[in-house]
Amino acid sequence: MWRAIPDELLDFKPHEKVNTIRAILVHQILLERRFFAQFVGTEEPPVEELLPPGDQPPVQAYLDKSIIHMSSIRERLPRPSGVLRSFP
């Protein structure tokens, strides 16, 4: 869904009492990090590594960072010892 938002609309506020689209996107990325850290127990990278640099990065920069983070989750998942066995 995020891919469909044009870069020039990232700072759009549909209403004065809501966040910009950019703030909502950042919030989602940080919530995903928090979910994996607190509920799954993975070691998560610092926030600075998850968010693209600069004041107004384009949508694709957020997506690239998010894809890198999500694709590395499997490597960081805790492995229960002795639960997984190889079968003959």
PDB file of N, CA and C in Angstrom:
ATOM      1  N   MET A   1       0.812  -1.178   0.000  1.00  0.00           N
ATOM      2  CA  MET A   1       0.000   0.000   0.000  1.00  0.00           C
ATOM      3  C   MET A   1       0.872   1.265   0.000  1.00  0.00           C
ATOM      4  N   TRP A   2       1.959   1.241   0.767  1.00  0.00           N
ATOM      5  CA  TRP A   2       2.802   2.444   0.872  1.00  0.00           C
ATOM      6  C   TRP A   2       3.387   2.826  -0.476  1.00  0.00           C
ATOM      7  N   ARG A   3       3.637   1.841  -1.322  1.00  0.00           N
ATOM      8  CA  ARG A   3       4.237   2.098  -2.629  1.00  0.00           C
ATOM      9  C   ARG A   3       3.344   3.005  -3.489  1.00  0.00           C
ATOM     10  N   ALA A   4       2.050   2.995  -3.248  1.00  0.00           N
ATOM     11  CA  ALA A   4       1.105   3.768  -4.059  1.00  0.00           C
ATOM     12  C   ALA A   4       1.079   5.257  -3.699  1.00  0.00           C
ATOM     13  N   ILE A   5       1.703   5.638  -2.601  1.00  0.00           N
ATOM     14  CA  ILE A   5       1.661   7.040  -2.168  1.00  0.00           C
ATOM     15  C   ILE A   5       2.773   7.834  -2.854  1.00  0.00           C
ATOM     16  N   PRO A   6       2.422   8.881  -3.576  1.00  0.00           N
ATOM     17  CA  PRO A   6       3.448   9.718  -4.207  1.00  0.00           C
ATOM     18  C   PRO A   6       4.280  10.447  -3.139  1.00  0.00           C
ATOM     19  N   ASP A   7       5.554  10.626  -3.419  1.00  0.00           N
ATOM     20  CA  ASP A   7       6.456  11.288  -2.468  1.00  0.00           C
ATOM     21  C   ASP A   7       5.941  12.656  -2.029  1.00  0.00           C
ATOM     22  N   GLU A   8       5.337  13.389  -2.950  1.00  0.00           N
ATOM     23  CA  GLU A   8       4.887  14.742  -2.614  1.00  0.00           C
ATOM     24  C   GLU A   8       3.696  14.756  -1.652  1.00  0.00           C
ATOM     25  N   LEU A   9       3.088  13.602  -1.403  1.00  0.00           N
ATOM     26  CA  LEU A   9       1.967  13.539  -0.455  1.00  0.00           C
ATOM     27  C   LEU A   9       2.369  13.020   0.924  1.00  0.00           C
ATOM     28  N   LEU A  10       3.632  12.696   1.126  1.00  0.00           N
ATOM     29  CA  LEU A  10       4.060  12.147   2.417  1.00  0.00           C
ATOM     30  C   LEU A  10       3.838  13.109   3.578  1.00  0.00           C
ATOM     31  N   ASP A  11       3.896  14.379   3.323  1.00  0.00           N
ATOM     32  CA  ASP A  11       3.702  15.345   4.402  1.00  0.00           C
ATOM     33  C   ASP A  11       2.281  15.911   4.440  1.00  0.00           C
ATOM     34  N   PHE A  12       1.383  15.272   3.722  1.00  0.00           N
ATOM     35  CA  PHE A  12      -0.027  15.674   3.705  1.00  0.00           C
ATOM     36  C   PHE A  12      -0.709  15.249   5.004  1.00  0.00           C
ATOM     37  N   LYS A  13      -1.518  16.157   5.556  1.00  0.00           N
ATOM     38  CA  LYS A  13      -2.337  15.867   6.741  1.00  0.00           C
ATOM     39  C   LYS A  13      -3.797  15.950   6.315  1.00  0.00           C
ATOM     40  N   PRO A  14      -4.496  14.824   6.301  1.00  0.00           N
ATOM     41  CA  PRO A  14      -5.890  14.858   5.881  1.00  0.00           C
ATOM     42  C   PRO A  14      -6.780  15.695   6.802  1.00  0.00           C
ATOM     43  N   HIS A  15      -6.331  15.877   8.032  1.00  0.00           N
ATOM     44  CA  HIS A  15      -7.097  16.666   9.004  1.00  0.00           C
ATOM     45  C   HIS A  15      -6.106  17.233  10.004  1.00  0.00           C
ATOM     46  N   GLU A  16      -6.407  18.379  10.583  1.00  0.00           N
ATOM     47  CA  GLU A  16      -5.475  19.035  11.511  1.00  0.00           C
ATOM     48  C   GLU A  16      -5.176  18.205  12.757  1.00  0.00           C
ATOM     49  N   LYS A  17      -6.058  17.290  13.114  1.00  0.00           N
ATOM     50  CA  LYS A  17      -5.859  16.504  14.334  1.00  0.00           C
ATOM     51  C   LYS A  17      -5.184  15.152  14.093  1.00  0.00           C
ATOM     52  N   VAL A  18      -4.742  14.899  12.890  1.00  0.00           N
ATOM     53  CA  VAL A  18      -4.079  13.625  12.598  1.00  0.00           C
ATOM     54  C   VAL A  18      -2.649  13.862  12.139  1.00  0.00           C
ATOM     55  N   ASN A  19      -1.871  12.804  12.158  1.00  0.00           N
ATOM     56  CA  ASN A  19      -0.477  12.878  11.726  1.00  0.00           C
ATOM     57  C   ASN A  19      -0.373  12.924  10.207  1.00  0.00           C
ATOM     58  N   THR A  20       0.805  13.310   9.752  1.00  0.00           N
ATOM     59  CA  THR A  20       1.076  13.257   8.317  1.00  0.00           C
ATOM     60  C   THR A  20       1.212  11.797   7.904  1.00  0.00           C
ATOM     61  N   ILE A  21       1.125  11.561   6.612  1.00  0.00           N
ATOM     62  CA  ILE A  21       1.308  10.207   6.097  1.00  0.00           C
ATOM     63  C   ILE A  21       2.707   9.717   6.444  1.00  0.00           C
ATOM     64  N   ARG A  22       3.705  10.597   6.368  1.00  0.00           N
ATOM     65  CA  ARG A  22       5.081  10.224   6.717  1.00  0.00           C
ATOM     66  C   ARG A  22       5.167   9.762   8.173  1.00  0.00           C
ATOM     67  N   ALA A  23       4.528  10.483   9.071  1.00  0.00           N
ATOM     68  CA  ALA A  23       4.558  10.116  10.490  1.00  0.00           C
ATOM     69  C   ALA A  23       3.894   8.761  10.724  1.00  0.00           C
ATOM     70  N   ILE A  24       2.828   8.483   9.990  1.00  0.00           N
ATOM     71  CA  ILE A  24       2.149   7.191  10.122  1.00  0.00           C
ATOM     72  C   ILE A  24       3.047   6.068   9.609  1.00  0.00           C
ATOM     73  N   LEU A  25       3.745   6.308   8.517  1.00  0.00           N
ATOM     74  CA  LEU A  25       4.672   5.313   7.967  1.00  0.00           C
ATOM     75  C   LEU A  25       5.804   5.025   8.950  1.00  0.00           C
ATOM     76  N   VAL A  26       6.398   6.064   9.518  1.00  0.00           N
ATOM     77  CA  VAL A  26       7.463   5.899  10.514  1.00  0.00           C
ATOM     78  C   VAL A  26       6.925   5.138  11.727  1.00  0.00           C
ATOM     79  N   HIS A  27       5.729   5.478  12.153  1.00  0.00           N
ATOM     80  CA  HIS A  27       5.105   4.813  13.299  1.00  0.00           C
ATOM     81  C   HIS A  27       4.949   3.314  13.038  1.00  0.00           C
ATOM     82  N   GLN A  28       4.527   2.942  11.845  1.00  0.00           N
ATOM     83  CA  GLN A  28       4.365   1.525  11.520  1.00  0.00           C
ATOM     84  C   GLN A  28       5.703   0.796  11.576  1.00  0.00           C
ATOM     85  N   ILE A  29       6.739   1.392  11.014  1.00  0.00           N
ATOM     86  CA  ILE A  29       8.063   0.763  11.019  1.00  0.00           C
ATOM     87  C   ILE A  29       8.545   0.556  12.453  1.00  0.00           C
ATOM     88  N   LEU A  30       8.364   1.563  13.291  1.00  0.00           N
ATOM     89  CA  LEU A  30       8.812   1.452  14.680  1.00  0.00           C
ATOM     90  C   LEU A  30       7.961   0.460  15.470  1.00  0.00           C
ATOM     91  N   LEU A  31       6.681   0.368  15.161  1.00  0.00           N
ATOM     92  CA  LEU A  31       5.829  -0.623  15.830  1.00  0.00           C
ATOM     93  C   LEU A  31       6.223  -2.044  15.457  1.00  0.00           C
ATOM     94  N   GLU A  32       6.597  -2.266  14.197  1.00  0.00           N
ATOM     95  CA  GLU A  32       7.052  -3.594  13.784  1.00  0.00           C
ATOM     96  C   GLU A  32       8.314  -3.971  14.551  1.00  0.00           C
ATOM     97  N   ARG A  33       9.221  -3.021  14.703  1.00  0.00           N
ATOM     98  CA  ARG A  33      10.448  -3.263  15.464  1.00  0.00           C
ATOM     99  C   ARG A  33      10.108  -3.635  16.905  1.00  0.00           C
ATOM    100  N   ARG A  34       9.216  -2.868  17.499  1.00  0.00           N
ATOM    101  CA  ARG A  34       8.829  -3.115  18.891  1.00  0.00           C
ATOM    102  C   ARG A  34       8.144  -4.473  19.046  1.00  0.00           C
ATOM    103  N   PHE A  35       7.277  -4.828  18.106  1.00  0.00           N
ATOM    104  CA  PHE A  35       6.591  -6.116  18.157  1.00  0.00           C
ATOM    105  C   PHE A  35       7.597  -7.259  18.194  1.00  0.00           C
ATOM    106  N   PHE A  36       8.541  -7.251  17.260  1.00  0.00           N
ATOM    107  CA  PHE A  36       9.504  -8.348  17.201  1.00  0.00           C
ATOM    108  C   PHE A  36      10.395  -8.377  18.435  1.00  0.00           C
ATOM    109  N   ALA A  37      10.762  -7.227  18.950  1.00  0.00           N
ATOM    110  CA  ALA A  37      11.622  -7.180  20.140  1.00  0.00           C
ATOM    111  C   ALA A  37      10.879  -7.659  21.385  1.00  0.00           C
ATOM    112  N   GLN A  38       9.674  -7.172  21.602  1.00  0.00           N
ATOM    113  CA  GLN A  38       8.959  -7.474  22.851  1.00  0.00           C
ATOM    114  C   GLN A  38       8.210  -8.795  22.828  1.00  0.00           C
ATOM    115  N   PHE A  39       7.582  -9.125  21.732  1.00  0.00           N
ATOM    116  CA  PHE A  39       6.717 -10.292  21.718  1.00  0.00           C
ATOM    117  C   PHE A  39       7.367 -11.533  21.121  1.00  0.00           C
ATOM    118  N   VAL A  40       8.298 -11.339  20.205  1.00  0.00           N
ATOM    119  CA  VAL A  40       8.977 -12.477  19.600  1.00  0.00           C
ATOM    120  C   VAL A  40      10.329 -12.703  20.265  1.00  0.00           C
ATOM    121  N   GLY A  41      10.915 -11.636  20.794  1.00  0.00           N
ATOM    122  CA  GLY A  41      12.177 -11.754  21.508  1.00  0.00           C
ATOM    123  C   GLY A  41      13.415 -11.644  20.648  1.00  0.00           C
ATOM    124  N   THR A  42      13.294 -11.022  19.483  1.00  0.00           N
ATOM    125  CA  THR A  42      14.457 -10.871  18.615  1.00  0.00           C
ATOM    126  C   THR A  42      15.280  -9.651  19.015  1.00  0.00           C
ATOM    127  N   GLU A  43      16.562  -9.715  18.710  1.00  0.00           N
ATOM    128  CA  GLU A  43      17.450  -8.557  18.882  1.00  0.00           C
ATOM    129  C   GLU A  43      17.183  -7.636  17.699  1.00  0.00           C
ATOM    130  N   GLU A  44      16.712  -6.460  17.973  1.00  0.00           N
ATOM    131  CA  GLU A  44      16.365  -5.531  16.902  1.00  0.00           C
ATOM    132  C   GLU A  44      17.436  -4.455  16.742  1.00  0.00           C
ATOM    133  N   PRO A  45      17.640  -4.014  15.487  1.00  0.00           N
ATOM    134  CA  PRO A  45      18.629  -2.959  15.254  1.00  0.00           C
ATOM    135  C   PRO A  45      18.167  -1.636  15.857  1.00  0.00           C
ATOM    136  N   PRO A  46      19.102  -0.721  16.081  1.00  0.00           N
ATOM    137  CA  PRO A  46      18.725   0.605  16.589  1.00  0.00           C
ATOM    138  C   PRO A  46      17.786   1.316  15.606  1.00  0.00           C
ATOM    139  N   VAL A  47      16.994   2.206  16.127  1.00  0.00           N
ATOM    140  CA  VAL A  47      16.028   2.954  15.316  1.00  0.00           C
ATOM    141  C   VAL A  47      16.723   3.649  14.148  1.00  0.00           C
ATOM    142  N   GLU A  48      17.907   4.187  14.399  1.00  0.00           N
ATOM    143  CA  GLU A  48      18.631   4.926  13.355  1.00  0.00           C
ATOM    144  C   GLU A  48      18.895   4.065  12.127  1.00  0.00           C
ATOM    145  N   GLU A  49      19.009   2.749  12.317  1.00  0.00           N
ATOM    146  CA  GLU A  49      19.261   1.857  11.185  1.00  0.00           C
ATOM    147  C   GLU A  49      17.980   1.511  10.431  1.00  0.00           C
ATOM    148  N   LEU A  50      16.838   1.692  11.051  1.00  0.00           N
ATOM    149  CA  LEU A  50      15.568   1.328  10.417  1.00  0.00           C
ATOM    150  C   LEU A  50      14.963   2.450   9.593  1.00  0.00           C
ATOM    151  N   LEU A  51      15.282   3.684   9.950  1.00  0.00           N
ATOM    152  CA  LEU A  51      14.702   4.817   9.242  1.00  0.00           C
ATOM    153  C   LEU A  51      15.717   5.403   8.271  1.00  0.00           C
ATOM    154  N   PRO A  52      15.268   5.785   7.087  1.00  0.00           N
ATOM    155  CA  PRO A  52      16.197   6.367   6.121  1.00  0.00           C
ATOM    156  C   PRO A  52      16.700   7.727   6.598  1.00  0.00           C
ATOM    157  N   PRO A  53      17.909   8.100   6.193  1.00  0.00           N
ATOM    158  CA  PRO A  53      18.458   9.390   6.615  1.00  0.00           C
ATOM    159  C   PRO A  53      17.761  10.554   5.914  1.00  0.00           C
ATOM    160  N   GLY A  54      17.888  11.718   6.511  1.00  0.00           N
ATOM    161  CA  GLY A  54      17.338  12.933   5.912  1.00  0.00           C
ATOM    162  C   GLY A  54      16.015  13.337   6.526  1.00  0.00           C
ATOM    163  N   ASP A  55      15.622  14.567   6.231  1.00  0.00           N
ATOM    164  CA  ASP A  55      14.376  15.105   6.779  1.00  0.00           C
ATOM    165  C   ASP A  55      13.139  14.644   6.016  1.00  0.00           C
ATOM    166  N   GLN A  56      13.290  14.443   4.714  1.00  0.00           N
ATOM    167  CA  GLN A  56      12.134  14.081   3.896  1.00  0.00           C
ATOM    168  C   GLN A  56      12.491  13.005   2.876  1.00  0.00           C
ATOM    169  N   PRO A  57      12.847  11.802   3.344  1.00  0.00           N
ATOM    170  CA  PRO A  57      13.185  10.749   2.386  1.00  0.00           C
ATOM    171  C   PRO A  57      11.957  10.329   1.567  1.00  0.00           C
ATOM    172  N   PRO A  58      12.185   9.825   0.363  1.00  0.00           N
ATOM    173  CA  PRO A  58      11.069   9.369  -0.465  1.00  0.00           C
ATOM    174  C   PRO A  58      10.479   8.055   0.064  1.00  0.00           C
ATOM    175  N   VAL A  59       9.303   7.718  -0.416  1.00  0.00           N
ATOM    176  CA  VAL A  59       8.622   6.490   0.000  1.00  0.00           C
ATOM    177  C   VAL A  59       9.525   5.277  -0.200  1.00  0.00           C
ATOM    178  N   GLN A  60      10.199   5.204  -1.334  1.00  0.00           N
ATOM    179  CA  GLN A  60      11.028   4.034  -1.640  1.00  0.00           C
ATOM    180  C   GLN A  60      12.139   3.840  -0.613  1.00  0.00           C
ATOM    181  N   ALA A  61      12.667   4.910  -0.058  1.00  0.00           N
ATOM    182  CA  ALA A  61      13.712   4.789   0.970  1.00  0.00           C
ATOM    183  C   ALA A  61      13.161   4.097   2.214  1.00  0.00           C
ATOM    184  N   TYR A  62      11.936   4.426   2.607  1.00  0.00           N
ATOM    185  CA  TYR A  62      11.299   3.750   3.744  1.00  0.00           C
ATOM    186  C   TYR A  62      11.061   2.278   3.421  1.00  0.00           C
ATOM    187  N   LEU A  63      10.580   2.017   2.212  1.00  0.00           N
ATOM    188  CA  LEU A  63      10.311   0.635   1.809  1.00  0.00           C
ATOM    189  C   LEU A  63      11.588  -0.189   1.783  1.00  0.00           C
ATOM    190  N   ASP A  64      12.659   0.380   1.248  1.00  0.00           N
ATOM    191  CA  ASP A  64      13.931  -0.346   1.191  1.00  0.00           C
ATOM    192  C   ASP A  64      14.403  -0.726   2.586  1.00  0.00           C
ATOM    193  N   LYS A  65      14.353   0.207   3.515  1.00  0.00           N
ATOM    194  CA  LYS A  65      14.775  -0.075   4.893  1.00  0.00           C
ATOM    195  C   LYS A  65      13.876  -1.136   5.526  1.00  0.00           C
ATOM    196  N   SER A  66      12.579  -1.041   5.292  1.00  0.00           N
ATOM    197  CA  SER A  66      11.630  -1.988   5.868  1.00  0.00           C
ATOM    198  C   SER A  66      11.844  -3.387   5.298  1.00  0.00           C
ATOM    199  N   ILE A  67      12.098  -3.483   4.012  1.00  0.00           N
ATOM    200  CA  ILE A  67      12.331  -4.779   3.376  1.00  0.00           C
ATOM    201  C   ILE A  67      13.586  -5.425   3.940  1.00  0.00           C
ATOM    202  N   ILE A  68      14.643  -4.654   4.107  1.00  0.00           N
ATOM    203  CA  ILE A  68      15.880  -5.191   4.686  1.00  0.00           C
ATOM    204  C   ILE A  68      15.613  -5.704   6.095  1.00  0.00           C
ATOM    205  N   HIS A  69      14.895  -4.926   6.883  1.00  0.00           N
ATOM    206  CA  HIS A  69      14.598  -5.321   8.262  1.00  0.00           C
ATOM    207  C   HIS A  69      13.761  -6.595   8.297  1.00  0.00           C
ATOM    208  N   MET A  70      12.690  -6.639   7.533  1.00  0.00           N
ATOM    209  CA  MET A  70      11.788  -7.789   7.567  1.00  0.00           C
ATOM    210  C   MET A  70      12.449  -9.045   7.004  1.00  0.00           C
ATOM    211  N   SER A  71      13.316  -8.898   6.016  1.00  0.00           N
ATOM    212  CA  SER A  71      13.961 -10.081   5.445  1.00  0.00           C
ATOM    213  C   SER A  71      15.008 -10.670   6.382  1.00  0.00           C
ATOM    214  N   SER A  72      15.489  -9.886   7.331  1.00  0.00           N
ATOM    215  CA  SER A  72      16.494 -10.408   8.263  1.00  0.00           C
ATOM    216  C   SER A  72      15.874 -10.956   9.549  1.00  0.00           C
ATOM    217  N   ILE A  73      14.556 -10.877   9.684  1.00  0.00           N
ATOM    218  CA  ILE A  73      13.880 -11.364  10.893  1.00  0.00           C
ATOM    219  C   ILE A  73      14.144 -12.850  11.103  1.00  0.00           C
ATOM    220  N   ARG A  74      14.017 -13.635  10.055  1.00  0.00           N
ATOM    221  CA  ARG A  74      14.184 -15.091  10.172  1.00  0.00           C
ATOM    222  C   ARG A  74      15.530 -15.448  10.804  1.00  0.00           C
ATOM    223  N   GLU A  75      16.575 -14.723  10.438  1.00  0.00           N
ATOM    224  CA  GLU A  75      17.908 -14.995  10.977  1.00  0.00           C
ATOM    225  C   GLU A  75      17.993 -14.674  12.468  1.00  0.00           C
ATOM    226  N   ARG A  76      17.153 -13.746  12.930  1.00  0.00           N
ATOM    227  CA  ARG A  76      17.212 -13.330  14.328  1.00  0.00           C
ATOM    228  C   ARG A  76      16.199 -14.042  15.221  1.00  0.00           C
ATOM    229  N   LEU A  77      15.347 -14.867  14.640  1.00  0.00           N
ATOM    230  CA  LEU A  77      14.349 -15.567  15.450  1.00  0.00           C
ATOM    231  C   LEU A  77      15.022 -16.496  16.451  1.00  0.00           C
ATOM    232  N   PRO A  78      14.536 -16.513  17.681  1.00  0.00           N
ATOM    233  CA  PRO A  78      15.100 -17.438  18.662  1.00  0.00           C
ATOM    234  C   PRO A  78      14.794 -18.878  18.266  1.00  0.00           C
ATOM    235  N   ARG A  79      15.766 -19.740  18.455  1.00  0.00           N
ATOM    236  CA  ARG A  79      15.612 -21.153  18.114  1.00  0.00           C
ATOM    237  C   ARG A  79      15.499 -21.966  19.393  1.00  0.00           C
ATOM    238  N   PRO A  80      14.388 -22.654  19.584  1.00  0.00           N
ATOM    239  CA  PRO A  80      14.281 -23.502  20.772  1.00  0.00           C
ATOM    240  C   PRO A  80      15.209 -24.710  20.639  1.00  0.00           C
ATOM    241  N   SER A  81      15.972 -24.975  21.660  1.00  0.00           N
ATOM    242  CA  SER A  81      16.920 -26.089  21.584  1.00  0.00           C
ATOM    243  C   SER A  81      16.195 -27.413  21.778  1.00  0.00           C
ATOM    244  N   GLY A  82      16.549 -28.374  20.963  1.00  0.00           N
ATOM    245  CA  GLY A  82      16.011 -29.715  21.095  1.00  0.00           C
ATOM    246  C   GLY A  82      14.610 -29.904  20.549  1.00  0.00           C
ATOM    247  N   VAL A  83      13.959 -28.858  20.105  1.00  0.00           N
ATOM    248  CA  VAL A  83      12.590 -29.002  19.616  1.00  0.00           C
ATOM    249  C   VAL A  83      12.574 -29.495  18.180  1.00  0.00           C
ATOM    250  N   LEU A  84      13.446 -28.952  17.384  1.00  0.00           N
ATOM    251  CA  LEU A  84      13.490 -29.350  15.984  1.00  0.00           C
ATOM    252  C   LEU A  84      14.479 -30.494  15.808  1.00  0.00           C
ATOM    253  N   ARG A  85      13.994 -31.580  15.260  1.00  0.00           N
ATOM    254  CA  ARG A  85      14.860 -32.728  15.013  1.00  0.00           C
ATOM    255  C   ARG A  85      14.814 -33.059  13.536  1.00  0.00           C
ATOM    256  N   SER A  86      15.862 -33.667  13.074  1.00  0.00           N
ATOM    257  CA  SER A  86      15.838 -34.132  11.694  1.00  0.00           C
ATOM    258  C   SER A  86      15.178 -35.507  11.665  1.00  0.00           C
ATOM    259  N   PHE A  87      14.433 -35.749  10.636  1.00  0.00           N
ATOM    260  CA  PHE A  87      13.750 -37.026  10.499  1.00  0.00           C
ATOM    261  C   PHE A  87      14.497 -37.887   9.501  1.00  0.00           C
ATOM    262  N   PRO A  88      14.459 -39.223   9.703  1.00  0.00           N
ATOM    263  CA  PRO A  88      15.191 -40.120   8.775  1.00  0.00           C
ATOM    264  C   PRO A  88      14.663 -40.063   7.372  1.00  0.00           C
TER     265      PRO A  88
END
